């Protein structure tokens, strides 16, 4: 698949900021909705992050809501009393004839099947990160979106922020010279084998089988994953820690934190990824990991070594003054150039050259990258109305997602994997390819 240059992608990130009203029949995209009209949007997976996404889309017509657990989704249902309610996204897509777009915020393992169904139905798609559970899904979804001509966006909200643009502009200005290494980190952990913000502890697959809550369709929740009995160790929220359902902290925070790295350095696929982990327990993601990526030279830029510290903090740079915290205490990135270092937070926010004396001496370059003046979600809406793509369309976020998922494959084997991106294969560990294209439960497919 042809890849779009990073500079071209981010240059179009705010293309919808200055819209004019034009006739419906001259606009591109399946919905052909002029900027003066509202999109008819459905939310799928609305009990967690989806609720926040819908709030940022509330200026549009929220016409349908879909969730497999009506009790968990109840607060969101109450906020949109006029929206029709569904448990099965397939029924919703079949019934909602005037639907323009869908917002997907379900658990990771169902992202691809729902997004693909929406794309085949000609709907614009906003899908939470990580885009998919495996790399095969990513390739197929990216290709399908391009063929259908729908407008897509992955839910990495920092991509629409100011920080990531400053990082790109400063690095391209030569503020720290040629970048050959990056340290990125997330100090959060899934200890004790649940989501960082949830209290349920599940160190191993539970043996007890409590009854399924009456408002939950457990078979639909499981979807394409191997079937297992219901347990609150999986839903709600805790699913992120389980390999069958979630992409772990790398898919959770890595998709955010590595976004400015991937964009600013115009990275392509890595040639190898190597991981060491702490207390991985087979079915659950490890408590901590160190993942080393090696990227080849690109255009006029040298090879790059990217090190991801998960559940850990990256080494403190000696240039950082005593008393200063390392960007966002929960995570961030340090770009290491041959003329200095640049540090930023999880979403690329608050970038600074270090030490502070270098920051104060640096003459800031002109802001050349268009800014997004709306929310990340509304950037998607505006792009759809203009027949364009926003900054985190699947053309960009698909390859970014592949990089993140490769880190998980290396973590699974606690080894170095050599990656042939063109043929989508791990070349040195045959068994690893089982995690590049994972099988679906009978009755589910893309």
Protein backbone atom coordinates (compact mmCIF):
# COMPACT_ATOMS: atom_id res chain seq x y z
CA UNK A 1 0.00 0.00 0.00
CA UNK A 2 1.31 3.44 -0.89
CA UNK A 3 2.23 5.46 2.18
CA UNK A 4 1.55 9.18 2.46
CA UNK A 5 4.44 11.39 3.54
CA UNK A 6 4.16 12.48 7.19
CA UNK A 7 4.62 16.16 6.30
CA UNK A 8 1.76 15.96 3.82
CA UNK A 9 -0.45 14.27 6.40
CA UNK A 10 0.06 16.77 9.18
CA UNK A 11 -0.16 19.68 6.76
CA UNK A 12 -3.73 18.60 6.15
CA UNK A 13 -4.57 18.09 9.80
CA UNK A 14 -6.48 21.34 10.08
CA UNK A 15 -7.63 21.58 6.49
CA UNK A 16 -11.24 21.73 7.59
CA UNK A 17 -10.71 24.78 9.80
CA UNK A 18 -11.81 27.31 7.18
CA UNK A 19 -14.85 25.69 5.58
CA UNK A 20 -17.26 27.27 3.14
CA UNK A 21 -20.78 26.17 2.36
CA UNK A 22 -20.96 24.42 -0.99
CA UNK A 23 -23.66 22.35 -2.66
CA UNK A 24 -24.03 18.76 -1.41
CA UNK A 25 -23.47 17.26 -4.87
CA UNK A 26 -19.96 18.68 -5.31
CA UNK A 27 -18.54 17.32 -2.07
CA UNK A 28 -16.61 14.07 -1.85
CA UNK A 29 -17.19 11.24 0.60
CA UNK A 30 -20.06 8.79 0.90
CA UNK A 31 -22.23 11.05 3.06
CA UNK A 32 -21.81 14.19 0.92
CA UNK A 33 -22.76 16.41 3.85
CA UNK A 34 -22.14 20.15 3.44
CA UNK A 35 -20.48 22.00 6.36
CA UNK A 36 -23.72 23.83 7.15
CA UNK A 37 -25.45 20.56 8.04
CA UNK A 38 -24.97 18.18 10.93
CA UNK A 39 -23.74 14.60 10.58
CA UNK A 40 -25.98 11.79 11.79
CA UNK A 41 -23.64 9.92 14.15
CA UNK A 42 -23.95 6.66 16.08
CA UNK A 43 -21.88 5.78 19.14
CA UNK A 44 -20.76 2.15 19.56
CA UNK A 45 -19.27 1.31 22.96
CA UNK A 46 -20.47 4.25 25.04
CA UNK A 47 -19.96 3.31 28.68
CA UNK A 48 -16.33 4.42 29.03
CA UNK A 49 -14.22 6.66 26.77
CA UNK A 50 -17.02 6.64 24.22
CA UNK A 51 -19.06 8.87 26.50
CA UNK A 52 -16.35 11.56 26.38
CA UNK A 53 -16.04 11.19 22.60
CA UNK A 54 -19.78 11.70 22.19
CA UNK A 55 -19.68 14.80 24.36
CA UNK A 56 -17.20 16.32 21.91
CA UNK A 57 -19.54 15.33 19.05
CA UNK A 58 -22.74 16.58 20.71
CA UNK A 59 -23.07 19.51 18.28
CA UNK A 60 -23.97 16.90 15.65
CA UNK A 61 -27.03 14.63 15.53
CA UNK A 62 -26.43 11.69 17.87
CA UNK A 63 -29.11 9.46 16.39
CA UNK A 64 -28.22 5.99 17.68
CA UNK A 65 -26.33 4.44 20.59
CA UNK A 66 -25.05 0.87 20.77
CA UNK A 67 -23.60 -1.01 23.73
CA UNK A 68 -23.65 -4.66 24.77
CA UNK A 69 -24.19 -3.63 28.42
CA UNK A 70 -27.20 -1.37 28.88
CA UNK A 71 -26.48 -0.93 32.59
CA UNK A 72 -22.90 0.24 32.03
CA UNK A 73 -24.10 2.52 29.22
CA UNK A 74 -27.06 3.92 31.19
CA UNK A 75 -25.52 7.35 32.00
CA UNK A 76 -24.82 7.93 28.30
CA UNK A 77 -28.28 6.77 27.27
CA UNK A 78 -29.70 9.34 29.69
CA UNK A 79 -27.71 12.14 28.04
CA UNK A 80 -29.18 11.41 24.59
CA UNK A 81 -32.80 10.41 25.26
CA UNK A 82 -33.77 10.79 21.60
CA UNK A 83 -31.14 8.36 20.31
CA UNK A 84 -32.32 4.88 19.35
CA UNK A 85 -30.71 2.09 21.40
CA UNK A 86 -29.07 -1.12 20.20
CA UNK A 87 -26.95 -3.94 21.60
CA UNK A 88 -25.80 -5.38 18.26
CA UNK A 89 -23.88 -3.02 15.95
CA UNK A 90 -24.85 -5.15 12.95
CA UNK A 91 -28.54 -4.58 13.58
CA UNK A 92 -27.90 -0.87 14.07
CA UNK A 93 -26.02 -0.52 10.77
CA UNK A 94 -28.82 -2.36 8.98
CA UNK A 95 -31.65 -0.33 10.55
CA UNK A 96 -30.19 3.20 10.54
CA UNK A 97 -30.63 4.14 6.89
CA UNK A 98 -29.68 7.83 7.31
CA UNK A 99 -26.52 7.26 9.34
CA UNK A 100 -23.44 9.19 8.16
CA UNK A 101 -20.76 8.19 10.65
CA UNK A 102 -19.90 6.03 13.66
CA UNK A 103 -17.76 6.53 16.73
CA UNK A 104 -16.26 3.26 18.07
CA UNK A 105 -14.97 2.95 21.63
CA UNK A 106 -15.44 -0.74 22.38
CA UNK A 107 -12.72 -3.04 23.82
CA UNK A 108 -9.72 -3.44 21.50
CA UNK A 109 -10.59 -6.90 20.21
CA UNK A 110 -13.80 -5.69 18.54
CA UNK A 111 -12.49 -2.48 16.94
CA UNK A 112 -11.65 -4.02 13.57
CA UNK A 113 -14.85 -5.99 12.95
CA UNK A 114 -17.06 -3.03 13.84
CA UNK A 115 -14.97 -0.50 11.89
CA UNK A 116 -14.89 -2.78 8.83
CA UNK A 117 -18.66 -3.27 8.92
CA UNK A 118 -19.14 0.50 9.10
CA UNK A 119 -16.71 1.11 6.24
CA UNK A 120 -18.47 -1.48 4.07
CA UNK A 121 -21.71 0.34 4.83
CA UNK A 122 -20.14 3.58 3.59
CA UNK A 123 -19.90 5.31 6.98
CA UNK A 124 -17.18 7.64 8.20
CA UNK A 125 -15.34 6.06 11.14
CA UNK A 126 -13.82 7.45 14.34
CA UNK A 127 -12.16 4.55 16.19
CA UNK A 128 -10.46 4.70 19.55
CA UNK A 129 -6.85 3.63 19.86
CA UNK A 130 -5.39 1.13 19.35
CA UNK A 131 -6.92 0.83 15.91
CA UNK A 132 -6.93 -2.98 15.92
CA UNK A 133 -5.79 -6.00 17.94
CA UNK A 134 -3.39 -7.38 15.31
CA UNK A 135 -1.45 -6.20 12.27
CA UNK A 136 -3.50 -8.15 9.70
CA UNK A 137 -6.57 -6.26 10.86
CA UNK A 138 -4.71 -2.96 10.57
CA UNK A 139 -3.66 -3.60 6.96
CA UNK A 140 -7.13 -4.73 5.89
CA UNK A 141 -8.89 -1.86 7.64
CA UNK A 142 -6.53 0.77 6.21
CA UNK A 143 -6.95 -0.61 2.69
CA UNK A 144 -10.74 -0.83 3.00
CA UNK A 145 -11.05 2.76 4.24
CA UNK A 146 -8.93 4.04 1.35
CA UNK A 147 -10.96 2.09 -1.20
CA UNK A 148 -14.30 3.23 0.24
CA UNK A 149 -13.24 6.88 0.41
CA UNK A 150 -14.65 7.36 3.91
CA UNK A 151 -13.14 9.82 6.38
CA UNK A 152 -11.38 8.13 9.30
CA UNK A 153 -9.69 9.14 12.54
CA UNK A 154 -8.04 7.14 15.32
CA UNK A 155 -8.68 8.39 18.84
CA UNK A 156 -5.25 9.77 19.71
CA UNK A 157 -6.40 13.22 20.76
CA UNK A 158 -2.88 14.57 21.26
CA UNK A 159 -2.45 14.39 17.49
CA UNK A 160 -4.73 17.43 17.21
CA UNK A 161 -2.90 19.32 19.94
CA UNK A 162 -0.35 22.11 19.95
CA UNK A 163 2.47 20.12 21.55
CA UNK A 164 2.93 17.57 18.77
CA UNK A 165 3.14 20.39 16.23
CA UNK A 166 5.78 22.22 18.23
CA UNK A 167 7.82 19.02 18.55
CA UNK A 168 7.72 18.54 14.76
CA UNK A 169 8.59 22.16 14.01
CA UNK A 170 11.50 22.33 16.45
CA UNK A 171 13.04 19.04 15.32
CA UNK A 172 12.70 20.00 11.66
CA UNK A 173 14.26 23.36 12.53
CA UNK A 174 17.35 21.52 13.76
CA UNK A 175 16.89 22.53 17.41
CA UNK A 176 18.69 19.40 18.62
CA UNK A 177 20.42 18.34 15.41
CA UNK A 178 20.06 14.86 13.96
CA UNK A 179 18.04 12.54 16.20
CA UNK A 180 19.44 9.02 16.52
CA UNK A 181 17.75 7.89 19.75
CA UNK A 182 14.52 8.40 21.69
CA UNK A 183 13.56 7.28 25.18
CA UNK A 184 9.79 7.10 25.76
CA UNK A 185 7.99 5.83 28.83
CA UNK A 186 4.77 5.22 30.72
CA UNK A 187 5.05 4.65 34.46
CA UNK A 188 1.53 3.20 34.77
CA UNK A 189 1.11 -0.54 35.26
CA UNK A 190 -1.72 -3.04 35.17
CA UNK A 191 -0.86 -4.20 38.66
CA UNK A 192 -2.56 -6.17 40.10
CA UNK A 193 -3.49 -7.42 36.62
CA UNK A 194 -6.33 -5.02 36.13
CA UNK A 195 -6.58 -1.59 34.56
CA UNK A 196 -4.55 1.05 36.34
CA UNK A 197 -7.76 2.85 37.32
CA UNK A 198 -9.77 -0.23 38.33
CA UNK A 199 -9.58 -2.19 41.58
CA UNK A 200 -10.48 -5.67 40.30
CA UNK A 201 -7.52 -8.03 40.76
CA UNK A 202 -7.19 -11.01 38.41
CA UNK A 203 -3.67 -12.47 38.43
CA UNK A 204 -4.89 -15.62 36.66
CA UNK A 205 -7.94 -16.74 34.68
CA UNK A 206 -10.72 -17.07 37.29
CA UNK A 207 -12.18 -20.52 37.85
CA UNK A 208 -15.54 -19.40 39.20
CA UNK A 209 -18.36 -18.61 36.75
CA UNK A 210 -20.74 -16.02 38.21
CA UNK A 211 -24.02 -15.38 36.38
CA UNK A 212 -23.96 -12.91 33.50
CA UNK A 213 -25.68 -9.62 34.46
CA UNK A 214 -29.13 -9.40 32.92
CA UNK A 215 -28.33 -6.23 30.97
CA UNK A 216 -25.14 -7.64 29.36
CA UNK A 217 -24.97 -9.65 26.14
CA UNK A 218 -21.79 -11.59 26.94
CA UNK A 219 -21.60 -13.41 23.60
CA UNK A 220 -21.58 -10.08 21.75
CA UNK A 221 -18.99 -8.70 24.18
CA UNK A 222 -16.68 -11.68 23.45
CA UNK A 223 -17.21 -11.18 19.71
CA UNK A 224 -14.30 -12.60 17.66
CA UNK A 225 -12.16 -13.59 20.68
CA UNK A 226 -12.02 -17.19 22.00
CA UNK A 227 -15.05 -17.79 24.18
CA UNK A 228 -14.72 -17.88 27.97
CA UNK A 229 -17.27 -17.58 30.77
CA UNK A 230 -18.24 -14.14 32.02
CA UNK A 231 -16.37 -12.72 34.99
CA UNK A 232 -15.97 -9.15 36.32
CA UNK A 233 -12.22 -9.69 35.89
CA UNK A 234 -12.83 -8.82 32.22
CA UNK A 235 -15.65 -6.29 32.11
CA UNK A 236 -15.79 -3.39 32.59
CA UNK A 237 -12.36 -1.84 32.10
CA UNK A 238 -10.13 -4.69 33.22
CA UNK A 239 -10.13 -6.28 29.75
CA UNK A 240 -7.11 -4.14 28.76
CA UNK A 241 -4.81 -6.40 30.80
CA UNK A 242 -5.79 -9.60 28.93
CA UNK A 243 -4.11 -10.62 25.66
CA UNK A 244 -7.37 -11.96 24.20
CA UNK A 245 -9.13 -8.61 24.60
CA UNK A 246 -6.68 -5.74 25.05
CA UNK A 247 -3.40 -4.45 23.67
CA UNK A 248 -2.00 -3.65 27.10
CA UNK A 249 -0.30 -0.45 28.12
CA UNK A 250 1.49 -0.29 24.77
CA UNK A 251 -1.85 -0.02 22.98
CA UNK A 252 -3.28 2.17 25.74
CA UNK A 253 -0.55 4.78 26.33
CA UNK A 254 2.04 3.77 23.74
CA UNK A 255 -0.31 4.80 20.93
CA UNK A 256 -0.38 8.30 22.46
CA UNK A 257 3.21 8.72 23.57
CA UNK A 258 4.84 7.28 20.46
CA UNK A 259 2.67 9.37 18.13
CA UNK A 260 4.86 12.52 18.28
CA UNK A 261 7.96 10.32 17.90
CA UNK A 262 6.57 8.57 14.83
CA UNK A 263 5.39 11.82 13.26
CA UNK A 264 8.30 14.13 14.02
CA UNK A 265 10.95 11.65 12.88
CA UNK A 266 8.90 10.53 9.85
CA UNK A 267 9.40 6.90 10.82
CA UNK A 268 8.50 3.93 8.68
CA UNK A 269 8.31 0.30 9.82
CA UNK A 270 11.07 -0.89 12.20
CA UNK A 271 13.50 -3.57 11.06
CA UNK A 272 13.60 -5.24 14.48
CA UNK A 273 11.96 -5.03 17.89
CA UNK A 274 13.38 -6.57 21.08
CA UNK A 275 11.67 -6.81 24.46
CA UNK A 276 12.34 -7.87 28.03
CA UNK A 277 9.44 -8.11 30.49
CA UNK A 278 8.67 -8.38 34.18
CA UNK A 279 6.13 -10.95 35.37
CA UNK A 280 4.16 -11.66 32.26
CA UNK A 281 1.65 -14.38 33.16
CA UNK A 282 0.72 -15.95 29.87
CA UNK A 283 -2.81 -14.61 29.46
CA UNK A 284 -2.14 -11.15 30.87
CA UNK A 285 0.18 -8.38 29.78
CA UNK A 286 3.35 -8.00 31.86
CA UNK A 287 3.69 -5.60 34.76
CA UNK A 288 6.64 -3.87 33.14
CA UNK A 289 8.71 -4.07 29.98
CA UNK A 290 11.54 -2.48 28.03
CA UNK A 291 11.08 -2.55 24.26
CA UNK A 292 13.83 -1.55 21.81
CA UNK A 293 12.92 -0.60 18.23
CA UNK A 294 15.42 -0.13 15.42
CA UNK A 295 14.41 2.03 12.46
CA UNK A 296 16.42 2.45 9.25
CA UNK A 297 17.59 5.73 7.78
CA UNK A 298 14.85 7.68 6.01
CA UNK A 299 15.32 10.37 3.38
CA UNK A 300 17.95 12.72 4.93
CA UNK A 301 17.62 11.33 8.47
CA UNK A 302 19.84 8.74 10.21
CA UNK A 303 18.78 5.39 11.74
CA UNK A 304 16.93 5.67 15.05
CA UNK A 305 16.86 3.52 18.17
CA UNK A 306 13.60 3.98 20.10
CA UNK A 307 13.37 2.57 23.63
CA UNK A 308 9.96 2.21 25.26
CA UNK A 309 9.84 1.83 29.07
CA UNK A 310 6.49 0.40 30.22
CA UNK A 311 5.58 0.46 33.91
CA UNK A 312 8.94 2.17 34.37
CA UNK A 313 10.51 5.58 33.97
CA UNK A 314 13.18 6.20 31.36
CA UNK A 315 16.65 7.10 32.65
CA UNK A 316 16.81 10.66 33.89
CA UNK A 317 18.92 12.75 31.51
CA UNK A 318 21.93 14.29 33.27
CA UNK A 319 21.13 17.65 31.64
CA UNK A 320 17.82 17.90 33.52
CA UNK A 321 18.21 20.27 36.45
CA UNK A 322 17.68 19.10 40.02
CA UNK A 323 14.09 19.53 41.14
CA UNK A 324 12.57 19.35 37.65
CA UNK A 325 10.19 16.49 36.88
CA UNK A 326 10.51 14.45 33.70
CA UNK A 327 7.72 15.96 31.58
CA UNK A 328 4.35 14.48 32.57
CA UNK A 329 5.13 12.28 35.62
CA UNK A 330 3.06 9.46 34.05
CA UNK A 331 5.01 9.42 30.81
CA UNK A 332 6.60 11.23 27.94
CA UNK A 333 9.47 11.16 25.48
CA UNK A 334 13.04 12.44 25.26
CA UNK A 335 14.46 13.02 21.78
CA UNK A 336 18.26 12.66 21.84
CA UNK A 337 20.00 14.65 19.12
CA UNK A 338 23.63 15.27 18.36
CA UNK A 339 23.16 18.93 19.43
CA UNK A 340 20.88 18.51 22.43
CA UNK A 341 17.73 16.93 23.86
CA UNK A 342 14.02 17.71 23.66
CA UNK A 343 11.53 16.45 26.26
CA UNK A 344 7.73 16.35 26.00
CA UNK A 345 4.76 14.81 27.78
CA UNK A 346 2.46 11.88 26.94
CA UNK A 347 0.70 13.60 24.05
CA UNK A 348 3.67 15.67 22.95
CA UNK A 349 2.48 18.44 25.27
CA UNK A 350 4.72 21.07 26.89
CA UNK A 351 7.89 20.38 24.87
CA UNK A 352 11.12 21.88 26.22
CA UNK A 353 14.75 21.76 25.27
CA UNK A 354 16.93 20.68 28.17
CA UNK A 355 18.65 22.12 30.08
CA UNK A 356 16.45 25.19 30.46
CA UNK A 357 19.32 27.47 29.46
CA UNK A 358 19.14 25.98 25.95
CA UNK A 359 15.39 26.51 25.85
CA UNK A 360 15.77 30.18 26.77
CA UNK A 361 18.50 30.68 24.18
CA UNK A 362 16.55 28.98 21.38
CA UNK A 363 14.88 31.23 18.82
CA UNK A 364 11.54 29.60 18.16
CA UNK A 365 10.85 28.87 14.49
CA UNK A 366 7.79 30.05 12.63
CA UNK A 367 4.68 27.93 13.16
CA UNK A 368 4.32 26.27 9.77
CA UNK A 369 1.99 23.35 10.55
CA UNK A 370 -1.76 24.16 10.47
CA UNK A 371 -3.39 24.12 13.90
CA UNK A 372 -6.58 22.29 14.83
CA UNK A 373 -8.91 24.73 16.54
CA UNK A 374 -11.56 22.18 17.49
CA UNK A 375 -11.56 18.90 19.38
CA UNK A 376 -9.95 15.82 17.81
CA UNK A 377 -13.44 14.43 17.23
CA UNK A 378 -14.70 17.58 15.52
CA UNK A 379 -11.57 17.68 13.35
CA UNK A 380 -12.85 14.35 12.00
CA UNK A 381 -16.37 15.74 11.49
CA UNK A 382 -15.10 18.83 9.68
CA UNK A 383 -12.88 16.73 7.45
CA UNK A 384 -15.79 14.44 6.60
CA UNK A 385 -17.91 17.40 5.58
CA UNK A 386 -15.10 18.71 3.40
CA UNK A 387 -14.47 15.33 1.77
CA UNK A 388 -10.94 15.24 3.23
CA UNK A 389 -8.91 13.30 5.79
CA UNK A 390 -7.92 14.59 9.26
CA UNK A 391 -4.46 14.23 10.78
CA UNK A 392 -4.90 10.80 12.39
CA UNK A 393 -6.70 9.14 9.48
CA UNK A 394 -6.10 5.43 9.04
CA UNK A 395 -3.50 6.24 6.34
CA UNK A 396 -1.34 7.61 9.17
CA UNK A 397 -2.62 5.83 12.28
CA UNK A 398 -2.57 2.41 10.60
CA UNK A 399 1.24 2.28 10.26
CA UNK A 400 1.59 3.86 13.73
CA UNK A 401 -0.66 1.15 15.13
CA UNK A 402 1.45 -1.56 13.46
CA UNK A 403 4.55 -0.22 15.21
CA UNK A 404 2.79 -0.34 18.58
CA UNK A 405 1.51 -3.89 18.01
CA UNK A 406 4.96 -5.13 17.01
CA UNK A 407 6.14 -4.11 20.48
CA UNK A 408 3.49 -6.38 21.96
CA UNK A 409 4.59 -9.30 19.79
CA UNK A 410 8.17 -8.87 20.99
CA UNK A 411 6.91 -8.70 24.58
CA UNK A 412 4.95 -11.92 24.11
CA UNK A 413 8.14 -13.79 23.15
CA UNK A 414 10.53 -11.76 25.32
CA UNK A 415 12.93 -11.76 22.40
CA UNK A 416 14.09 -9.86 19.32
CA UNK A 417 11.83 -10.17 16.31
CA UNK A 418 13.05 -9.26 12.83
CA UNK A 419 10.30 -7.64 10.78
CA UNK A 420 9.65 -7.85 7.04
CA UNK A 421 7.00 -5.16 6.67
CA UNK A 422 6.39 -5.60 2.96
CA UNK A 423 5.49 -9.27 3.41
CA UNK A 424 4.03 -8.72 6.90
CA UNK A 425 6.12 -11.46 8.50
CA UNK A 426 8.44 -12.04 11.43
CA UNK A 427 11.40 -13.70 9.77
CA UNK A 428 13.35 -15.16 12.71
CA UNK A 429 10.62 -16.62 15.00
CA UNK A 430 7.99 -18.47 13.00
CA UNK A 431 5.62 -18.84 15.95
CA UNK A 432 5.45 -15.06 16.35
CA UNK A 433 3.46 -14.83 13.13
CA UNK A 434 0.50 -16.37 14.96
CA UNK A 435 0.17 -12.96 16.66
CA UNK A 436 0.43 -11.01 13.40
CA UNK A 437 -2.80 -12.58 12.10
CA UNK A 438 -4.88 -13.95 14.95
CA UNK A 439 -7.81 -16.32 14.26
CA UNK A 440 -11.42 -15.37 14.91
CA UNK A 441 -14.04 -17.33 16.79
CA UNK A 442 -16.43 -19.17 14.47
CA UNK A 443 -19.12 -16.89 13.10
CA UNK A 444 -16.94 -13.75 13.08
CA UNK A 445 -14.88 -12.33 10.23
CA UNK A 446 -13.86 -9.10 8.55
